[in-house]
């Protein structure tokens, strides 16, 4: 077993640049779908989940420009809504738990979203019903399509409401 031995009495000095946090990065990346304007994001971690989500955005029609290490510009001005109902999209989402974050921006901007049972690490109880209940209270309807094993979400007009999040 590895160990760190810490001996006190010595001042620390220097600089570190923390890498961006994966879960926050995934949420911010999904939020780029809310507008057709260009969005520049810095300090994105170069990890599989972030890169897979960026690839899903590209496949949806988001133009992505790499500006440098961990820095990208996203522009969601040409979204292919047929793609979000495709088998390729559903399979991609099933491998990435963070894909559940696509629902809000797609629903808010386009009035519909599709998602599979999201994948990702199986590290214990990570509920999805909080998302479903929240969107339903905002006026969305969920249906389950057995032919593609996916959820379809629709909302003509979302409405504000009070929510209690577990």
Protein backbone atom coordinates (compact mmCIF):
# COMPACT_ATOMS: atom_id res chain seq x y z
CA UNK A 1 0.00 0.00 0.00
CA UNK A 2 1.34 3.46 -0.94
CA UNK A 3 1.60 6.23 1.60
CA UNK A 4 2.43 9.91 1.79
CA UNK A 5 4.67 10.99 4.63
CA UNK A 6 4.13 14.61 5.58
CA UNK A 7 6.73 16.35 7.69
CA UNK A 8 5.66 19.73 9.00
CA UNK A 9 7.62 22.86 9.69
CA UNK A 10 8.41 23.74 6.08
CA UNK A 11 6.57 26.50 4.22
CA UNK A 12 4.94 25.64 0.91
CA UNK A 13 5.39 27.85 -2.11
CA UNK A 14 4.84 27.61 -5.83
CA UNK A 15 1.96 27.56 -8.26
CA UNK A 16 -0.39 24.96 -9.63
CA UNK A 17 -3.08 25.27 -12.24
CA UNK A 18 -5.98 22.99 -11.39
CA UNK A 19 -7.53 21.01 -14.21
CA UNK A 20 -11.17 21.73 -14.94
CA UNK A 21 -13.72 19.57 -13.14
CA UNK A 22 -15.39 16.91 -15.30
CA UNK A 23 -18.96 17.16 -13.96
CA UNK A 24 -19.06 20.93 -14.24
CA UNK A 25 -17.47 20.79 -17.70
CA UNK A 26 -20.16 18.38 -18.93
CA UNK A 27 -22.94 20.69 -17.74
CA UNK A 28 -21.34 23.75 -19.32
CA UNK A 29 -20.78 21.90 -22.61
CA UNK A 30 -24.44 20.88 -22.77
CA UNK A 31 -25.46 24.49 -22.08
CA UNK A 32 -23.82 25.54 -25.37
CA UNK A 33 -26.97 24.15 -27.03
CA UNK A 34 -29.04 26.98 -25.51
CA UNK A 35 -27.92 29.60 -28.03
CA UNK A 36 -26.81 29.96 -31.63
CA UNK A 37 -24.12 32.43 -30.55
CA UNK A 38 -20.47 31.33 -30.27
CA UNK A 39 -19.43 30.25 -26.78
CA UNK A 40 -15.76 30.05 -25.76
CA UNK A 41 -14.88 27.69 -22.90
CA UNK A 42 -11.46 27.36 -21.30
CA UNK A 43 -9.90 24.87 -18.89
CA UNK A 44 -11.76 21.83 -20.20
CA UNK A 45 -10.12 18.63 -18.99
CA UNK A 46 -8.76 16.36 -21.72
CA UNK A 47 -10.53 13.21 -20.54
CA UNK A 48 -12.72 10.60 -22.23
CA UNK A 49 -16.12 11.78 -20.92
CA UNK A 50 -15.50 15.40 -21.96
CA UNK A 51 -14.14 14.38 -25.37
CA UNK A 52 -17.06 11.98 -25.96
CA UNK A 53 -19.57 14.72 -25.10
CA UNK A 54 -17.81 17.13 -27.47
CA UNK A 55 -18.04 14.48 -30.20
CA UNK A 56 -21.78 14.13 -29.52
CA UNK A 57 -22.14 17.91 -29.90
CA UNK A 58 -20.22 17.81 -33.20
CA UNK A 59 -22.47 15.00 -34.44
CA UNK A 60 -25.52 17.12 -33.53
CA UNK A 61 -24.25 19.89 -35.78
CA UNK A 62 -22.44 22.12 -33.28
CA UNK A 63 -19.35 23.65 -34.86
CA UNK A 64 -16.36 23.21 -32.57
CA UNK A 65 -13.07 25.06 -32.88
CA UNK A 66 -10.07 24.10 -30.78
CA UNK A 67 -8.36 27.34 -29.76
CA UNK A 68 -5.61 25.76 -27.67
CA UNK A 69 -5.07 23.25 -24.89
CA UNK A 70 -8.40 22.86 -23.09
CA UNK A 71 -9.90 25.88 -24.87
CA UNK A 72 -12.70 25.54 -27.42
CA UNK A 73 -15.35 27.65 -29.15
CA UNK A 74 -18.78 26.09 -29.71
CA UNK A 75 -21.53 27.40 -31.97
CA UNK A 76 -24.87 25.59 -32.01
CA UNK A 77 -26.39 27.46 -34.95
CA UNK A 78 -27.07 24.43 -37.16
CA UNK A 79 -28.46 21.65 -34.96
CA UNK A 80 -29.66 18.53 -36.76
CA UNK A 81 -32.75 17.59 -34.76
CA UNK A 82 -33.13 14.35 -36.72
CA UNK A 83 -29.77 13.24 -35.33
CA UNK A 84 -31.06 13.35 -31.72
CA UNK A 85 -33.51 10.60 -32.66
CA UNK A 86 -30.94 8.46 -34.49
CA UNK A 87 -29.55 5.15 -33.33
CA UNK A 88 -26.03 6.64 -33.41
CA UNK A 89 -27.04 9.42 -30.97
CA UNK A 90 -28.89 7.03 -28.66
CA UNK A 91 -25.93 4.63 -28.60
CA UNK A 92 -23.54 7.49 -27.91
CA UNK A 93 -25.67 8.70 -25.00
CA UNK A 94 -25.91 5.19 -23.57
CA UNK A 95 -22.12 5.22 -23.08
CA UNK A 96 -22.01 8.57 -21.28
CA UNK A 97 -23.88 9.31 -18.06
CA UNK A 98 -23.44 13.08 -18.56
CA UNK A 99 -25.64 12.88 -21.67
CA UNK A 100 -28.66 13.33 -19.38
CA UNK A 101 -27.61 17.00 -19.31
CA UNK A 102 -28.64 17.34 -22.99
CA UNK A 103 -32.33 17.16 -22.03
CA UNK A 104 -32.66 20.63 -20.50
CA UNK A 105 -31.04 22.67 -23.28
CA UNK A 106 -32.70 20.65 -26.08
CA UNK A 107 -36.09 20.85 -24.39
CA UNK A 108 -35.75 24.54 -23.60
CA UNK A 109 -34.61 25.60 -27.05
CA UNK A 110 -36.24 23.07 -29.39
CA UNK A 111 -39.14 21.65 -27.36
CA UNK A 112 -37.96 18.05 -27.58
CA UNK A 113 -35.18 15.72 -26.55
CA UNK A 114 -34.37 12.04 -26.78
CA UNK A 115 -32.19 10.03 -24.46
CA UNK A 116 -31.28 6.46 -23.73
CA UNK A 117 -30.66 5.06 -20.32
CA UNK A 118 -27.35 6.82 -19.71
CA UNK A 119 -24.21 4.78 -19.20
CA UNK A 120 -21.08 5.64 -17.32
CA UNK A 121 -19.56 4.25 -14.19
CA UNK A 122 -21.72 2.12 -11.95
CA UNK A 123 -20.58 3.63 -8.66
CA UNK A 124 -23.78 3.39 -6.71
CA UNK A 125 -27.16 5.02 -6.72
CA UNK A 126 -27.33 7.92 -9.16
CA UNK A 127 -30.96 8.74 -9.71
CA UNK A 128 -32.51 10.04 -12.91
CA UNK A 129 -36.03 10.46 -11.57
CA UNK A 130 -35.07 13.86 -10.13
CA UNK A 131 -34.49 15.07 -13.70
CA UNK A 132 -37.69 13.49 -14.96
CA UNK A 133 -39.87 14.85 -12.15
CA UNK A 134 -38.34 18.31 -12.53
CA UNK A 135 -39.01 18.48 -16.27
CA UNK A 136 -42.53 17.15 -15.80
CA UNK A 137 -43.25 19.88 -13.24
CA UNK A 138 -41.97 22.40 -15.79
CA UNK A 139 -44.56 21.08 -18.27
CA UNK A 140 -42.70 18.38 -20.21
CA UNK A 141 -44.08 14.95 -21.04
CA UNK A 142 -41.96 11.78 -21.08
CA UNK A 143 -42.67 8.70 -23.11
CA UNK A 144 -40.65 5.52 -23.38
CA UNK A 145 -40.16 4.15 -26.89
CA UNK A 146 -39.56 0.39 -26.60
CA UNK A 147 -38.47 0.11 -30.23
CA UNK A 148 -35.30 2.12 -29.55
CA UNK A 149 -35.18 1.62 -25.78
CA UNK A 150 -35.12 5.37 -25.23
CA UNK A 151 -37.05 8.21 -23.62
CA UNK A 152 -38.67 10.96 -25.67
CA UNK A 153 -39.37 14.27 -23.97
CA UNK A 154 -41.63 17.01 -25.35
CA UNK A 155 -42.74 20.45 -24.20
CA UNK A 156 -44.55 23.05 -26.27
CA UNK A 157 -43.90 25.64 -23.59
CA UNK A 158 -42.05 25.16 -20.33
CA UNK A 159 -43.46 27.02 -17.34
CA UNK A 160 -41.81 28.10 -14.12
CA UNK A 161 -42.63 26.24 -10.94
CA UNK A 162 -41.34 25.61 -7.44
CA UNK A 163 -39.19 22.48 -7.22
CA UNK A 164 -37.89 20.54 -4.27
CA UNK A 165 -34.75 18.71 -5.35
CA UNK A 166 -33.87 15.64 -3.30
